[in-house]
Amino acid sequence: MLPADYTPGVQFFIELTWSVNQTGCSVELLRNFDSIARAGELPANGDLQDQVPTPSPGINVVTTSTFIWAPGVFGAQPGDSVNVGFYRRIADSCGGTVKLHGARVEYR
């Protein structure tokens, strides 16, 4: 959910923190779906940009992948719910298990 001090229409970011039990490889997390939901209205499609593959910094070392959400036609507002789904590309270069530790919305 976008916090009360979010400025409407400003670009924001979805940050995922994760780790993998392998090093010397890259993990590719991709957008599966995204939308914005507001009470009393139909959800609107989002505009989340896919991220380039992120190198693993070391075995089980936590790192962050950042996805950019461009302000779309819908015009996000404070209190809107941000709905996102991600998947891992099977053909990325890490064969290990990816553990997702958290997600947050960041804006600047």
Protein backbone atom coordinates (compact mmCIF):
# COMPACT_ATOMS: atom_id res chain seq x y z
CA MET A 1 0.00 0.00 0.00
CA LEU A 2 1.28 3.46 -0.84
CA PRO A 3 1.78 5.50 2.37
CA ALA A 4 0.01 8.75 3.23
CA ASP A 5 3.05 10.88 2.35
CA TYR A 6 3.34 9.49 -1.19
CA THR A 7 3.06 12.28 -3.81
CA PRO A 8 0.48 11.32 -6.49
CA GLY A 9 1.98 10.46 -9.88
CA VAL A 10 5.59 10.17 -8.65
CA GLN A 11 7.64 7.22 -9.90
CA PHE A 12 8.16 4.52 -7.28
CA PHE A 13 10.11 1.31 -6.94
CA ILE A 14 9.40 -2.23 -5.79
CA GLU A 15 12.43 -3.68 -4.00
CA LEU A 16 12.75 -7.41 -3.44
CA THR A 17 15.37 -8.75 -1.03
CA TRP A 18 16.53 -12.28 -1.72
CA SER A 19 19.39 -14.74 -1.44
CA VAL A 20 20.50 -17.87 -3.29
CA ASN A 21 22.61 -20.78 -2.10
CA GLN A 22 25.07 -20.36 -4.96
CA THR A 23 27.63 -17.80 -6.13
CA GLY A 24 29.16 -16.83 -9.48
CA CYS A 25 25.75 -16.70 -11.17
CA SER A 26 22.80 -14.35 -11.77
CA VAL A 27 19.13 -14.63 -10.80
CA GLU A 28 16.48 -13.29 -13.16
CA LEU A 29 13.24 -12.25 -11.46
CA LEU A 30 10.56 -11.08 -13.89
CA ARG A 31 7.19 -9.38 -13.57
CA ASN A 32 4.25 -11.75 -13.86
CA PHE A 33 1.48 -9.22 -13.19
CA ASP A 34 1.04 -5.77 -11.69
CA SER A 35 -1.87 -3.50 -10.92
CA ILE A 36 -3.03 -0.67 -8.67
CA ALA A 37 -6.22 -1.03 -6.64
CA ARG A 38 -8.21 1.74 -5.00
CA ALA A 39 -11.28 1.33 -2.79
CA GLY A 40 -14.49 1.69 -4.78
CA GLU A 41 -12.82 1.41 -8.21
CA LEU A 42 -11.79 -1.35 -10.59
CA PRO A 43 -8.07 -2.31 -10.43
CA ALA A 44 -5.94 -0.71 -13.15
CA ASN A 45 -3.01 -2.31 -14.94
CA GLY A 46 0.36 -1.16 -13.67
CA ASP A 47 3.53 -0.21 -15.48
CA LEU A 48 6.30 -2.16 -13.75
CA GLN A 49 9.55 -2.42 -15.72
CA ASP A 50 11.38 -5.77 -15.81
CA GLN A 51 14.75 -5.91 -14.09
CA VAL A 52 18.00 -7.12 -15.64
CA PRO A 53 19.50 -10.31 -14.13
CA THR A 54 21.06 -9.62 -10.73
CA PRO A 55 24.39 -11.26 -9.82
CA SER A 56 24.51 -13.34 -6.65
CA PRO A 57 26.95 -11.60 -4.26
CA GLY A 58 27.78 -14.84 -2.46
CA ILE A 59 26.28 -18.00 -1.02
CA ASN A 60 23.21 -17.05 1.06
CA VAL A 61 24.17 -13.33 1.03
CA VAL A 62 21.06 -11.13 0.90
CA THR A 63 20.81 -8.76 -2.06
CA THR A 64 18.14 -6.49 -3.57
CA SER A 65 16.51 -6.33 -7.01
CA THR A 66 14.71 -3.07 -7.79
CA PHE A 67 11.82 -2.77 -10.23
CA ILE A 68 10.75 0.68 -11.48
CA TRP A 69 7.05 1.55 -11.54
CA ALA A 70 6.51 4.42 -13.96
CA PRO A 71 3.56 6.67 -13.17
CA GLY A 72 0.93 5.40 -15.57
CA VAL A 73 -2.35 6.74 -16.84
CA PHE A 74 -4.11 5.59 -13.66
CA GLY A 75 -2.19 8.05 -11.43
CA ALA A 76 -1.29 6.27 -8.20
CA GLN A 77 -2.39 7.99 -4.99
CA PRO A 78 -1.68 7.58 -1.27
CA GLY A 79 -3.54 4.57 0.11
CA ASP A 80 -3.60 2.69 -3.22
CA SER A 81 -2.75 -1.00 -3.04
CA VAL A 82 0.13 -2.14 -5.23
CA ASN A 83 -0.40 -5.69 -6.50
CA VAL A 84 2.59 -7.46 -8.02
CA GLY A 85 3.60 -10.99 -8.88
CA PHE A 86 7.03 -12.19 -9.91
CA TYR A 87 8.51 -15.35 -11.33
CA ARG A 88 12.02 -16.63 -11.77
CA ARG A 89 13.25 -17.32 -15.28
CA ILE A 90 14.14 -21.01 -15.37
CA ALA A 91 17.07 -20.33 -17.70
CA ASP A 92 18.89 -17.93 -15.32
CA SER A 93 22.44 -18.93 -14.47
CA CYS A 94 21.85 -19.97 -10.83
CA GLY A 95 20.81 -23.54 -10.22
CA GLY A 96 20.25 -22.96 -6.50
CA THR A 97 17.13 -22.17 -4.56
CA VAL A 98 16.17 -18.50 -4.32
CA LYS A 99 14.76 -17.38 -0.97
CA LEU A 100 12.65 -14.21 -1.01
CA HIS A 101 13.14 -12.34 2.29
CA GLY A 102 10.89 -9.34 1.73
CA ALA A 103 9.40 -6.69 -0.51
CA ARG A 104 8.83 -2.98 -0.07
CA VAL A 105 7.66 0.09 -1.95
CA GLU A 106 10.26 2.86 -2.15
CA TYR A 107 9.81 6.34 -3.61
CA ARG A 108 12.19 9.26 -3.82
